[in-house]
Amino acid sequence: MARKLKINVGSYSDKGLKEENQDSLGHVIPENLNLLTTKGAAFALADGVSSSEEAKQASQCCITGFLEDYFSTPDSWSVKKSGGTVLTAINNWLFSQTNQYQDVSRGLASTFCGLVIKSTTAHLFHVGDTRIYLYRNNTLEQLTTDHRIHMPGEKEYLGRAMGIDYRLDIDYKSVPVEEGDVFFIATDGIHDYIDDKHISKVFAEEVDDLNKLCKRLVDESLEADSLDNVSCQALKVTELPTQNIDEAYSQLTQLPFPPELYEGVILEGYRITRELHASSTSQLYLAVDVDTDEKVVIKTPSVNFEDDPAYLERFQMEEWVGRRIDSPHVIRTVEATRPRQFLYYVMEYIEGRPLDQWITDQKEPNLTVIRNIISQAVSGVRAFHRLDMLHQDLKPGNIMITDEGLVKIVDFGSTKIAGIADVSTPIERKELLGTKHYTAPEYLINGVGTSQSDLFSLGCIAYEMITGKLPYGNDIVKATNKTSINRLKYTPVSRHVSNIPDWIDKALQKAVNVNPVNRYEEMSELESDLRKPNPEFLIEQQRPLLERNPEAFWKGLAILSLLGNCALIYLLTQ
């Protein structure tokens, strides 16, 4: 039987010798199983910087903001992106409030430690000198590093904190979790006055009662003459979410595959008109909603994969992705209004053709039209990236274009969702799912892609729209390792078509560079460089051939030398 994440929590906080307790702490363990699965459980502790009159407000803002806003971030986001985005927003607010005061002492600043346990991984966010420890197998380990600046005379100053700078430098790390692990978060009011050895001793004696453990550490810190507020939080992972492959398969097959569909058949309120497309992996049907007369497209899974858990998961995630993306340049998933008895999903129907057919139909490249298509495709891809998703299978066949020129990205079967990738599963997920001619080389090297991998695919599509060919031809399909990938040679656009400015060729070459470090950082840069010359490319054209392309220079020189020698021999023999 599948198990869910279970955590016991204890905490204690005391103002100590100070007039006000400027520490704040809290936690959220969602009761909703779906939220617990997609976002995890969150814990946080903040210590307001005592030199600030608004220290309590600062620490409370950090805790409330983090614990509320983290769970409001898209469930497609990774924990790292969700936590980092929320903390950056909190920091910006704190810093803006500080700037309103002429008196620096009224600024809002606080240390912060946040811990999110999702699936079988703990994610740590740390700014300042509040600490996070892990107690495992009777051993205490400090997981964070204090952000303190050591000065002469044994003086120390806080090096980082929330609200002291508009730029926030967050320490982030993730660690695998084991059942029985105890995470401990403590302010400097504790760890500055009792050492790790003593803390570990208390854990060994009180680990079965976390509230008692925390109170004892607070009391003993005060007995050790702690001059600060004293706060800590302990959480013990008593059960981790686990699921074997049979349980996963059972969950994925709760809905059976639809029966055979053909013209006239009614599937749960949709009358099938005709088959649009069929492949080894799925079928697409044009249908009409009998209640609204709206034309829709129904996608059904292929019976070839009814025993493949990885395929079934990807198919079901397609609809999950479609429901979350809202862009005029991404095909819209139609929300189900009737109870569903079979496995399929419904999309909007658009009159148009795939981009690969559009490319075939074009007699010669029209740069204005091509720029417009790429611009719309970039807008669609950005919608994925904003939700921390990678499409991973961008190709002309997965881009539709209407007769009016509207572009829509389709097929989410290869999409990687960072928030789902955070969740452990017995299902073996494949990383390389896209079409090799358009797939970025880094997938072949380490199996991991980034937003620049989707950029590579878009660059290939733009190149093909202009030339009808691909920048590396079939060689990229044959490249299977780093050595063969580095040997790939980009084919200049001029080899296929004339009258295309060299600066456009340079833009395409940068977009499809085999090394992602040498590509554009943002898709908007490619858009811009396809519309107007990048000054860097114009300077490049003015450089001598020996600097721009040494290989071509020496080949040309060798040919001229050979021709010269032949001419000399001819003259001498006359």
Protein backbone atom coordinates (compact mmCIF):
# COMPACT_ATOMS: atom_id res chain seq x y z
CA MET A 1 0.00 0.00 0.00
CA ALA A 2 1.34 3.45 -0.97
CA ARG A 3 2.43 5.63 1.95
CA LYS A 4 2.43 9.41 2.33
CA LEU A 5 4.84 11.84 3.95
CA LYS A 6 4.41 12.03 7.74
CA ILE A 7 6.31 14.45 9.99
CA ASN A 8 6.24 15.16 13.71
CA VAL A 9 7.07 18.72 14.78
CA GLY A 10 8.16 20.39 17.99
CA SER A 11 9.24 23.97 18.74
CA TYR A 12 9.91 26.47 21.47
CA SER A 13 10.75 30.17 21.60
CA ASP A 14 11.64 32.51 24.47
CA LYS A 15 12.51 36.20 24.56
CA GLY A 16 15.25 35.45 27.10
CA LEU A 17 16.75 38.56 28.68
CA LYS A 18 15.45 40.89 25.97
CA GLU A 19 12.30 42.97 26.28
CA GLU A 20 10.83 41.61 23.05
CA ASN A 21 11.03 38.29 21.25
CA GLN A 22 12.15 39.26 17.78
CA ASP A 23 12.28 35.65 16.54
CA SER A 24 9.47 34.12 14.48
CA LEU A 25 8.86 30.55 13.42
CA GLY A 26 6.17 28.40 11.84
CA HIS A 27 5.37 25.44 9.65
CA VAL A 28 2.73 24.13 7.24
CA ILE A 29 2.03 20.44 6.62
CA PRO A 30 -0.83 20.33 4.09
CA GLU A 31 -3.72 18.02 4.90
CA ASN A 32 -4.60 17.88 1.20
CA LEU A 33 -2.68 14.91 -0.22
CA ASN A 34 -2.30 16.46 -3.68
CA LEU A 35 -0.81 19.64 -2.21
CA LEU A 36 1.46 17.61 0.07
CA THR A 37 2.66 15.66 -2.98
CA THR A 38 3.20 18.60 -5.34
CA LYS A 39 4.51 21.20 -2.86
CA GLY A 40 5.59 19.23 0.24
CA ALA A 41 5.72 20.48 3.84
CA ALA A 42 7.39 23.78 4.77
CA PHE A 43 9.17 24.93 7.94
CA ALA A 44 10.79 28.28 8.68
CA LEU A 45 12.57 30.25 11.39
CA ALA A 46 13.69 33.88 11.27
CA ASP A 47 15.67 36.04 13.68
CA GLY A 48 15.04 39.78 13.34
CA VAL A 49 18.28 41.77 13.33
CA SER A 50 18.35 43.31 16.80
CA SER A 51 19.93 46.59 15.66
CA SER A 52 16.66 47.34 13.87
CA GLU A 53 13.67 48.77 15.72
CA GLU A 54 11.39 46.81 13.38
CA ALA A 55 13.14 43.46 13.89
CA LYS A 56 10.00 41.61 14.99
CA GLN A 57 8.03 42.85 11.99
CA ALA A 58 10.86 41.78 9.67
CA SER A 59 11.10 38.24 11.04
CA GLN A 60 7.33 37.80 11.08
CA CYS A 61 7.09 39.04 7.50
CA CYS A 62 9.67 36.45 6.43
CA ILE A 63 7.81 33.57 8.08
CA THR A 64 4.28 34.54 7.07
CA GLY A 65 5.30 35.47 3.55
CA PHE A 66 7.27 32.29 2.95
CA LEU A 67 4.73 29.85 4.40
CA GLU A 68 1.78 31.48 2.63
CA ASP A 69 3.26 32.41 -0.72
CA TYR A 70 5.29 29.22 -1.26
CA PHE A 71 2.09 27.19 -1.49
CA SER A 72 0.61 29.72 -3.90
CA THR A 73 3.33 29.22 -6.51
CA PRO A 74 2.49 27.05 -9.55
CA ASP A 75 2.64 23.32 -8.84
CA SER A 76 4.73 22.95 -11.99
CA TRP A 77 7.57 24.96 -10.40
CA SER A 78 10.46 23.20 -8.70
CA VAL A 79 10.92 23.74 -4.97
CA LYS A 80 14.08 25.72 -5.69
CA LYS A 81 12.31 28.10 -8.08
CA SER A 82 9.26 28.46 -5.81
CA GLY A 83 11.27 29.17 -2.67
CA GLY A 84 13.76 31.44 -4.40
CA THR A 85 11.04 33.50 -6.10
CA VAL A 86 9.08 33.96 -2.88
CA LEU A 87 12.13 34.93 -0.83
CA THR A 88 13.26 37.41 -3.50
CA ALA A 89 9.84 39.07 -3.39
CA ILE A 90 9.92 39.26 0.42
CA ASN A 91 13.44 40.70 0.34
CA ASN A 92 12.39 43.35 -2.18
CA TRP A 93 9.51 44.41 0.05
CA LEU A 94 11.67 44.56 3.18
CA PHE A 95 14.34 46.55 1.36
CA SER A 96 11.77 48.99 -0.06
CA GLN A 97 10.40 49.59 3.44
CA THR A 98 13.89 50.20 4.78
CA ASN A 99 14.53 52.81 2.08
CA GLN A 100 11.50 54.78 3.25
CA TYR A 101 13.17 55.50 6.57
CA GLN A 102 15.87 58.13 6.90
CA ASP A 103 16.87 56.49 10.17
CA VAL A 104 18.76 53.27 9.30
CA SER A 105 17.93 51.80 12.71
CA ARG A 106 14.29 51.54 11.65
CA GLY A 107 15.11 49.27 8.72
CA LEU A 108 13.56 45.82 8.35
CA ALA A 109 16.15 43.05 8.36
CA SER A 110 16.13 39.43 9.47
CA THR A 111 17.99 36.16 9.12
CA PHE A 112 16.03 33.30 7.58
CA CYS A 113 16.11 29.52 7.38
CA GLY A 114 13.51 27.67 5.37
CA LEU A 115 13.15 23.93 4.92
CA VAL A 116 10.82 22.19 2.47
CA ILE A 117 10.45 18.43 2.53
CA LYS A 118 8.90 17.19 -0.69
CA SER A 119 8.73 13.52 -1.59
CA THR A 120 12.05 12.09 -0.37
CA THR A 121 14.15 15.26 -0.57
CA ALA A 122 14.77 18.15 1.82
CA HIS A 123 15.30 21.58 0.26
CA LEU A 124 17.15 24.19 2.35
CA PHE A 125 17.01 27.99 1.98
CA HIS A 126 19.40 29.96 4.16
CA VAL A 127 20.32 33.62 4.70
CA GLY A 128 22.20 34.78 7.82
CA ASP A 129 23.39 32.88 10.88
CA THR A 130 20.32 30.86 11.84
CA ARG A 131 21.25 27.20 11.35
CA ILE A 132 19.76 23.97 10.06
CA TYR A 133 21.09 20.66 11.41
CA LEU A 134 20.40 17.04 10.50
CA TYR A 135 20.36 14.39 13.22
CA ARG A 136 20.73 10.93 11.67
CA ASN A 137 22.01 7.67 13.16
CA ASN A 138 22.90 9.42 16.43
CA THR A 139 25.06 11.95 14.59
CA LEU A 140 24.41 15.70 14.38
CA GLU A 141 25.51 17.49 11.18
CA GLN A 142 25.32 21.21 10.48
CA LEU A 143 23.88 21.67 6.97
CA THR A 144 24.17 25.45 6.64
CA THR A 145 27.09 27.87 6.82
CA ASP A 146 26.85 31.01 8.97
CA HIS A 147 26.99 34.22 6.96
CA ARG A 148 29.24 36.10 9.32
CA ILE A 149 32.15 38.44 8.71
CA HIS A 150 35.03 38.01 11.14
CA MET A 151 36.81 41.21 12.14
CA PRO A 152 40.01 41.83 14.15
CA GLY A 153 39.53 41.64 17.90
CA GLU A 154 37.25 38.58 17.68
CA LYS A 155 34.32 40.71 16.53
CA GLU A 156 31.77 39.26 14.10
CA TYR A 157 29.16 40.91 11.95
CA LEU A 158 26.23 39.51 10.06
CA GLY A 159 27.27 39.23 6.42
CA ARG A 160 23.89 38.49 4.87
CA ALA A 161 20.27 39.03 5.88
CA MET A 162 16.85 39.54 4.37
CA GLY A 163 16.14 43.20 3.64
CA ILE A 164 19.63 44.71 3.81
CA ASP A 165 20.28 44.77 0.04
CA TYR A 166 18.13 44.77 -3.08
CA ARG A 167 20.12 41.75 -4.24
CA LEU A 168 19.42 38.59 -2.28
CA ASP A 169 22.09 35.90 -2.13
CA ILE A 170 20.36 32.73 -0.92
CA ASP A 171 22.18 29.54 -0.03
CA TYR A 172 20.22 26.62 -1.45
CA LYS A 173 20.93 22.93 -1.16
CA SER A 174 19.00 19.68 -1.31
CA VAL A 175 19.64 16.51 0.64
CA PRO A 176 18.01 13.07 0.43
CA VAL A 177 15.77 12.20 3.36
CA GLU A 178 15.62 8.93 5.26
CA GLU A 179 12.90 7.75 7.62
CA GLY A 180 13.84 8.69 11.17
CA ASP A 181 15.77 11.81 10.14
CA VAL A 182 15.38 14.78 12.47
CA PHE A 183 15.97 18.29 11.13
CA PHE A 184 16.72 20.99 13.68
CA ILE A 185 16.54 24.76 13.05
CA ALA A 186 18.02 27.09 15.68
CA THR A 187 18.85 30.76 16.11
CA ASP A 188 22.22 32.01 17.29
CA GLY A 189 20.71 32.43 20.74
CA ILE A 190 21.15 28.66 21.02
CA HIS A 191 24.11 27.61 18.89
CA ASP A 192 26.33 30.47 20.13
CA TYR A 193 25.96 29.32 23.73
CA ILE A 194 25.79 25.52 23.63
CA ASP A 195 27.99 23.55 21.27
CA ASP A 196 27.00 20.86 18.78
CA LYS A 197 28.26 18.11 21.05
CA HIS A 198 25.87 19.13 23.78
CA ILE A 199 22.99 19.56 21.32
CA SER A 200 23.65 16.03 20.05
CA LYS A 201 23.58 14.71 23.63
CA VAL A 202 20.19 16.30 24.24
CA PHE A 203 18.88 14.80 20.99
CA ALA A 204 19.96 11.34 22.07
CA GLU A 205 18.01 11.73 25.30
CA GLU A 206 14.89 13.59 24.12
CA VAL A 207 14.38 12.73 20.43
CA ASP A 208 11.09 10.94 21.10
CA ASP A 209 9.48 14.15 22.42
CA LEU A 210 10.34 17.04 20.12
CA ASN A 211 8.56 19.76 22.11
CA LYS A 212 10.40 18.68 25.25
CA LEU A 213 13.67 18.55 23.29
CA CYS A 214 13.23 22.11 22.01
CA LYS A 215 12.26 23.51 25.43
CA ARG A 216 15.24 21.85 27.08
CA LEU A 217 17.67 23.32 24.54
CA VAL A 218 16.14 26.76 25.02
CA ASP A 219 16.34 26.47 28.82
CA GLU A 220 19.92 25.24 28.75
CA SER A 221 20.94 28.06 26.39
CA LEU A 222 19.54 30.58 28.86
CA GLU A 223 21.35 28.81 31.71
CA ALA A 224 24.52 29.20 29.61
CA ASP A 225 23.96 33.00 29.78
CA SER A 226 22.49 33.48 26.33
CA LEU A 227 21.86 37.20 25.83
CA ASP A 228 19.62 36.81 22.79
CA ASN A 229 16.14 35.58 21.99
CA VAL A 230 16.21 31.79 21.96
CA SER A 231 14.19 29.79 19.43
CA CYS A 232 14.31 26.41 17.74
CA GLN A 233 12.22 23.98 15.76
CA ALA A 234 12.66 20.21 15.34
CA LEU A 235 10.92 17.95 12.85
CA LYS A 236 11.15 14.20 12.56
CA VAL A 237 10.32 12.33 9.35
CA THR A 238 8.38 9.30 10.54
CA GLU A 239 7.21 8.06 7.15
CA LEU A 240 8.28 8.73 3.57
CA PRO A 241 6.00 8.51 0.55
CA THR A 242 6.68 5.25 -1.24
CA GLN A 243 5.01 3.46 -4.10
CA ASN A 244 6.07 0.32 -5.93
CA ILE A 245 5.69 -0.11 -9.67
CA ASP A 246 2.51 -2.18 -9.33
CA GLU A 247 0.85 0.53 -7.24
CA ALA A 248 1.95 3.19 -9.71
CA TYR A 249 0.59 1.18 -12.65
CA SER A 250 -2.69 0.57 -10.83
CA GLN A 251 -3.11 4.30 -10.27
CA LEU A 252 -2.32 5.12 -13.91
CA THR A 253 -4.80 2.56 -15.25
CA GLN A 254 -7.84 3.62 -13.28
CA LEU A 255 -9.42 4.70 -16.56
CA PRO A 256 -9.50 2.13 -19.38
CA PHE A 257 -8.50 2.93 -22.97
CA PRO A 258 -11.39 4.10 -25.19
CA PRO A 259 -13.02 1.63 -27.60
CA GLU A 260 -12.28 1.81 -31.31
CA LEU A 261 -13.40 5.17 -32.66
CA TYR A 262 -14.73 5.92 -36.14
CA GLU A 263 -17.12 8.33 -37.84
CA GLY A 264 -20.45 8.59 -36.07
CA VAL A 265 -19.37 7.02 -32.76
CA ILE A 266 -20.27 9.09 -29.69
CA LEU A 267 -17.67 9.08 -26.92
CA GLU A 268 -19.02 10.61 -23.72
CA GLY A 269 -20.82 13.44 -25.50
CA TYR A 270 -18.40 13.87 -28.40
CA ARG A 271 -19.46 12.69 -31.87
CA ILE A 272 -16.45 11.49 -33.88
CA THR A 273 -16.27 13.12 -37.34
CA ARG A 274 -13.06 11.65 -38.71
CA GLU A 275 -9.54 10.55 -37.85
CA LEU A 276 -7.03 13.38 -38.21
CA HIS A 277 -3.81 11.53 -37.48
CA ALA A 278 -2.62 8.16 -36.24
CA SER A 279 0.82 7.02 -35.18
CA SER A 280 2.36 4.26 -33.11
CA THR A 281 1.94 6.39 -29.98
CA SER A 282 -1.51 8.04 -30.26
CA GLN A 283 -4.53 8.91 -32.36
CA LEU A 284 -6.18 12.27 -33.05
CA TYR A 285 -9.85 12.60 -33.98
CA LEU A 286 -11.97 15.54 -35.06
CA ALA A 287 -15.16 15.51 -33.03
CA VAL A 288 -18.17 17.67 -32.19
CA ASP A 289 -19.53 18.32 -28.72
CA VAL A 290 -23.17 17.21 -28.98
CA ASP A 291 -24.25 19.79 -26.38
CA THR A 292 -22.53 22.86 -27.83
CA ASP A 293 -21.77 21.91 -31.47
CA GLU A 294 -18.18 23.01 -30.81
CA LYS A 295 -15.52 21.32 -32.91
CA VAL A 296 -12.78 19.73 -30.81
CA VAL A 297 -9.85 17.36 -31.18
CA ILE A 298 -9.74 14.18 -29.10
CA LYS A 299 -6.41 12.53 -28.38
CA THR A 300 -6.39 8.87 -27.37
CA PRO A 301 -3.51 6.67 -26.22
CA SER A 302 -2.16 3.84 -28.35
CA VAL A 303 -2.91 0.27 -27.26
CA ASN A 304 0.73 -0.47 -28.11
CA PHE A 305 1.64 1.03 -24.75
CA GLU A 306 -1.18 -0.02 -22.46
CA ASP A 307 1.32 -1.95 -20.29
CA ASP A 308 3.94 0.83 -20.22
CA PRO A 309 3.72 2.92 -17.00
CA ALA A 310 6.13 5.58 -18.31
CA TYR A 311 4.00 6.09 -21.43
CA LEU A 312 0.76 6.21 -19.43
CA GLU A 313 2.23 8.80 -17.06
CA ARG A 314 3.42 10.98 -19.95
CA PHE A 315 0.04 10.76 -21.69
CA GLN A 316 -1.83 11.82 -18.57
CA MET A 317 0.65 14.62 -17.90
CA GLU A 318 -0.07 16.06 -21.36
CA GLU A 319 -3.52 17.15 -20.20
CA TRP A 320 -2.05 18.30 -16.87
CA VAL A 321 0.33 20.58 -18.78
CA GLY A 322 -2.34 21.83 -21.15
CA ARG A 323 -4.65 22.84 -18.30
CA ARG A 324 -1.94 25.03 -16.76
CA ILE A 325 -0.60 26.88 -19.79
CA ASP A 326 -2.53 29.94 -20.90
CA SER A 327 -1.11 31.34 -24.12
CA PRO A 328 -2.62 32.19 -27.50
CA HIS A 329 0.37 30.39 -29.02
CA VAL A 330 -0.11 27.05 -27.23
CA ILE A 331 -2.94 24.69 -28.10
CA ARG A 332 -5.71 24.95 -25.49
CA THR A 333 -6.89 21.92 -23.54
CA VAL A 334 -10.67 21.78 -23.15
CA GLU A 335 -11.77 21.20 -19.58
CA ALA A 336 -13.97 18.15 -19.08
CA THR A 337 -17.59 19.05 -18.28
CA ARG A 338 -18.89 15.49 -18.08
CA PRO A 339 -17.72 12.52 -15.98
CA ARG A 340 -14.98 10.69 -17.82
CA GLN A 341 -14.99 6.91 -18.09
CA PHE A 342 -12.10 6.46 -20.51
CA LEU A 343 -8.52 7.67 -20.88
CA TYR A 344 -8.32 10.52 -23.41
CA TYR A 345 -8.27 14.29 -23.43
CA VAL A 346 -9.82 17.07 -25.48
CA MET A 347 -8.20 20.05 -27.22
CA GLU A 348 -9.40 23.03 -29.19
CA TYR A 349 -9.66 22.53 -32.95
CA ILE A 350 -7.91 24.98 -35.24
CA GLU A 351 -8.02 25.16 -39.03
CA GLY A 352 -4.45 25.05 -40.24
CA ARG A 353 -1.46 22.93 -41.17
CA PRO A 354 1.71 21.76 -39.44
CA LEU A 355 4.75 23.96 -39.96
CA ASP A 356 6.59 21.14 -41.75
CA GLN A 357 3.87 21.21 -44.42
CA TRP A 358 4.10 25.00 -44.54
CA ILE A 359 7.87 24.72 -45.15
CA THR A 360 7.29 22.26 -47.98
CA ASP A 361 4.73 24.58 -49.56
CA GLN A 362 7.00 27.65 -49.56
CA LYS A 363 8.77 28.33 -52.86
CA GLU A 364 11.28 30.80 -51.42
CA PRO A 365 11.91 32.19 -47.92
CA ASN A 366 10.02 35.31 -46.86
CA LEU A 367 11.98 36.75 -43.94
CA THR A 368 9.11 38.94 -42.74
CA VAL A 369 6.78 35.94 -42.45
CA ILE A 370 9.49 33.74 -40.91
CA ARG A 371 10.28 36.37 -38.27
CA ASN A 372 6.60 36.59 -37.37
CA ILE A 373 6.32 32.80 -37.00
CA ILE A 374 9.43 32.58 -34.83
CA SER A 375 8.22 35.49 -32.68
CA GLN A 376 4.92 33.70 -32.00
CA ALA A 377 6.67 30.40 -31.32
CA VAL A 378 9.00 32.14 -28.85
CA SER A 379 5.95 33.55 -27.06
CA GLY A 380 4.49 30.05 -26.79
CA VAL A 381 7.72 28.51 -25.51
CA ARG A 382 8.05 31.26 -22.91
CA ALA A 383 4.68 30.19 -21.52
CA PHE A 384 6.25 26.79 -20.78
CA HIS A 385 9.38 28.29 -19.27
CA ARG A 386 7.44 30.64 -16.97
CA LEU A 387 5.89 27.53 -15.42
CA ASP A 388 9.30 25.85 -15.06
CA MET A 389 8.60 23.47 -17.93
CA LEU A 390 10.66 22.47 -20.95
CA HIS A 391 8.81 21.41 -24.09
CA GLN A 392 11.72 19.19 -25.23
CA ASP A 393 10.22 18.25 -28.61
CA LEU A 394 10.00 21.47 -30.60
CA LYS A 395 9.95 20.68 -34.31
CA PRO A 396 7.94 21.83 -37.34
CA GLY A 397 5.53 18.90 -36.92
CA ASN A 398 4.64 20.15 -33.42
CA ILE A 399 3.84 23.69 -34.51
CA MET A 400 0.52 24.49 -36.18
CA ILE A 401 -0.07 27.58 -38.31
CA THR A 402 -3.50 28.79 -39.39
CA ASP A 403 -4.34 30.36 -42.74
CA GLU A 404 -4.40 33.71 -40.90
CA GLY A 405 -0.84 33.12 -39.70
CA LEU A 406 -1.59 32.29 -36.05
CA VAL A 407 1.01 29.94 -34.59
CA LYS A 408 0.28 27.36 -31.88
CA ILE A 409 2.61 24.83 -30.24
CA VAL A 410 1.14 21.35 -29.82
CA ASP A 411 2.05 17.96 -28.32
CA PHE A 412 3.22 18.02 -24.70
CA GLY A 413 4.22 14.36 -24.53
CA SER A 414 7.90 15.12 -23.98
CA THR A 415 7.44 18.10 -21.66
CA LYS A 416 9.57 18.09 -18.51
CA ILE A 417 7.87 19.61 -15.47
CA ALA A 418 10.33 20.64 -12.77
CA GLY A 419 7.76 20.38 -9.99
CA ILE A 420 6.87 16.81 -10.98
CA ALA A 421 10.52 15.86 -11.48
CA ASP A 422 11.02 16.69 -7.77
CA VAL A 423 8.71 13.81 -6.83
CA SER A 424 10.29 10.37 -6.55
CA THR A 425 8.59 7.57 -8.46
CA PRO A 426 9.23 3.91 -9.26
CA ILE A 427 8.49 4.72 -12.90
CA GLU A 428 11.61 4.97 -15.05
CA ARG A 429 11.32 8.31 -16.79
CA LYS A 430 13.23 8.90 -20.00
CA GLU A 431 15.00 12.22 -20.47
CA LEU A 432 15.66 12.02 -24.22
CA LEU A 433 12.19 12.00 -25.78
CA GLY A 434 12.43 14.56 -28.58
CA THR A 435 13.17 14.19 -32.28
CA LYS A 436 16.94 13.85 -32.72
CA HIS A 437 17.28 16.24 -35.67
CA TYR A 438 16.00 19.07 -33.44
CA THR A 439 17.21 17.89 -30.03
CA ALA A 440 19.95 19.89 -28.32
CA PRO A 441 23.26 17.94 -28.06
CA GLU A 442 23.50 18.31 -24.27
CA TYR A 443 20.71 15.74 -23.89
CA LEU A 444 23.05 13.19 -25.46
CA ILE A 445 25.95 14.17 -23.19
CA ASN A 446 24.30 14.32 -19.76
CA GLY A 447 20.60 13.79 -20.38
CA VAL A 448 19.75 17.17 -18.89
CA GLY A 449 18.28 20.11 -20.76
CA THR A 450 17.61 23.77 -19.95
CA SER A 451 15.62 26.57 -21.52
CA GLN A 452 18.54 26.96 -23.94
CA SER A 453 17.83 23.44 -25.19
CA ASP A 454 14.39 24.60 -26.40
CA LEU A 455 16.19 27.62 -27.92
CA PHE A 456 18.42 25.24 -29.89
CA SER A 457 15.33 23.54 -31.33
CA LEU A 458 13.78 26.89 -32.30
CA GLY A 459 17.03 27.87 -34.00
CA CYS A 460 16.91 24.67 -36.05
CA ILE A 461 13.31 25.42 -37.02
CA ALA A 462 14.17 28.97 -38.10
CA TYR A 463 17.12 27.65 -40.14
CA GLU A 464 14.87 25.08 -41.84
CA MET A 465 12.21 27.68 -42.67
CA ILE A 466 14.86 29.72 -44.47
CA THR A 467 16.80 26.92 -46.18
CA GLY A 468 14.57 23.85 -46.19
CA LYS A 469 17.50 22.04 -44.58
CA LEU A 470 18.93 21.53 -41.10
CA PRO A 471 22.08 23.24 -39.78
CA TYR A 472 23.94 19.96 -39.14
CA GLY A 473 22.11 17.77 -41.63
CA ASN A 474 21.97 14.11 -40.61
CA ASP A 475 25.32 14.30 -38.82
CA ILE A 476 23.65 15.33 -35.58
CA VAL A 477 21.67 12.08 -35.54
CA LYS A 478 24.90 10.09 -35.80
CA ALA A 479 26.61 12.04 -33.00
CA THR A 480 26.39 9.91 -29.84
CA ASN A 481 29.07 11.33 -27.53
CA LYS A 482 30.82 14.57 -26.62
CA THR A 483 33.69 14.00 -29.07
CA SER A 484 31.43 13.43 -32.08
CA ILE A 485 29.20 16.33 -31.06
CA ASN A 486 32.16 18.74 -30.89
CA ARG A 487 33.12 17.67 -34.42
CA LEU A 488 29.78 18.78 -35.86
CA LYS A 489 30.14 21.51 -38.46
CA TYR A 490 27.52 24.19 -38.92
CA THR A 491 26.49 24.64 -42.56
CA PRO A 492 26.20 28.35 -43.47
CA VAL A 493 22.82 29.44 -44.84
CA SER A 494 24.56 30.67 -48.01
CA ARG A 495 25.27 27.05 -48.98
CA HIS A 496 21.55 26.54 -49.55
CA VAL A 497 20.04 29.94 -50.42
CA SER A 498 21.33 33.30 -51.57
CA ASN A 499 20.30 36.85 -50.68
CA ILE A 500 20.10 36.10 -46.95
CA PRO A 501 22.11 38.64 -44.92
CA ASP A 502 25.19 37.23 -43.24
CA TRP A 503 24.11 38.68 -39.87
CA ILE A 504 20.99 36.48 -39.94
CA ASP A 505 23.20 33.46 -40.57
CA LYS A 506 25.34 34.48 -37.58
CA ALA A 507 22.23 34.73 -35.39
CA LEU A 508 21.13 31.24 -36.40
CA GLN A 509 24.65 29.87 -35.88
CA LYS A 510 24.68 31.23 -32.34
CA ALA A 511 21.25 29.84 -31.56
CA VAL A 512 22.21 26.30 -32.64
CA ASN A 513 25.73 26.25 -31.21
CA VAL A 514 26.45 22.73 -29.94
CA ASN A 515 27.70 24.22 -26.66
CA PRO A 516 24.81 25.79 -24.69
CA VAL A 517 27.25 28.23 -23.06
CA ASN A 518 27.80 29.85 -26.46
CA ARG A 519 24.09 30.20 -27.29
CA TYR A 520 21.83 33.11 -26.51
CA GLU A 521 20.82 33.37 -22.88
CA GLU A 522 17.31 34.59 -23.74
CA MET A 523 15.04 33.81 -26.67
CA SER A 524 14.30 37.52 -27.03
CA GLU A 525 17.92 37.97 -28.11
CA LEU A 526 17.40 35.60 -31.05
CA GLU A 527 14.18 37.41 -31.95
CA SER A 528 15.99 40.74 -31.94
CA ASP A 529 19.00 39.52 -33.93
CA LEU A 530 16.73 38.08 -36.65
CA ARG A 531 15.06 41.48 -37.08
CA LYS A 532 18.07 43.82 -37.05
CA PRO A 533 21.84 43.34 -37.30
CA ASN A 534 23.69 42.63 -34.09
CA PRO A 535 26.70 45.01 -34.06
CA GLU A 536 28.91 42.14 -32.89
CA PHE A 537 28.14 40.22 -36.07
CA LEU A 538 28.91 43.25 -38.24
CA ILE A 539 32.29 43.63 -36.53
CA GLU A 540 32.85 39.91 -37.08
CA GLN A 541 32.36 40.41 -40.84
CA GLN A 542 35.05 43.08 -40.89
CA ARG A 543 37.69 40.85 -39.32
CA PRO A 544 40.25 39.21 -41.64
CA LEU A 545 39.38 35.75 -42.94
CA LEU A 546 42.39 34.32 -41.06
CA GLU A 547 40.74 35.36 -37.74
CA ARG A 548 37.15 34.55 -38.67
CA ASN A 549 37.79 31.13 -40.23
CA PRO A 550 41.41 29.96 -40.04
CA GLU A 551 40.56 26.61 -41.63
CA ALA A 552 39.02 28.25 -44.70
CA PHE A 553 41.97 30.66 -44.95
CA TRP A 554 44.61 27.93 -44.96
CA LYS A 555 42.60 25.74 -47.33
CA GLY A 556 42.28 28.65 -49.73
CA LEU A 557 45.96 29.46 -49.41
CA ALA A 558 46.87 25.82 -50.09
CA ILE A 559 44.68 25.76 -53.20
CA LEU A 560 46.21 29.01 -54.50
CA SER A 561 49.69 27.64 -53.82
CA LEU A 562 48.85 24.42 -55.69
CA LEU A 563 47.48 26.36 -58.65
CA GLY A 564 50.54 28.60 -58.64
CA ASN A 565 52.92 25.61 -58.63
CA CYS A 566 50.98 23.97 -61.49
CA ALA A 567 51.20 27.16 -63.51
CA LEU A 568 54.93 27.43 -62.82
CA ILE A 569 55.55 23.81 -63.88
CA TYR A 570 53.54 24.41 -67.06
CA LEU A 571 55.61 27.47 -67.96
CA LEU A 572 58.92 25.70 -67.26
CA THR A 573 57.99 22.75 -69.45
CA GLN A 574 57.08 24.86 -72.48
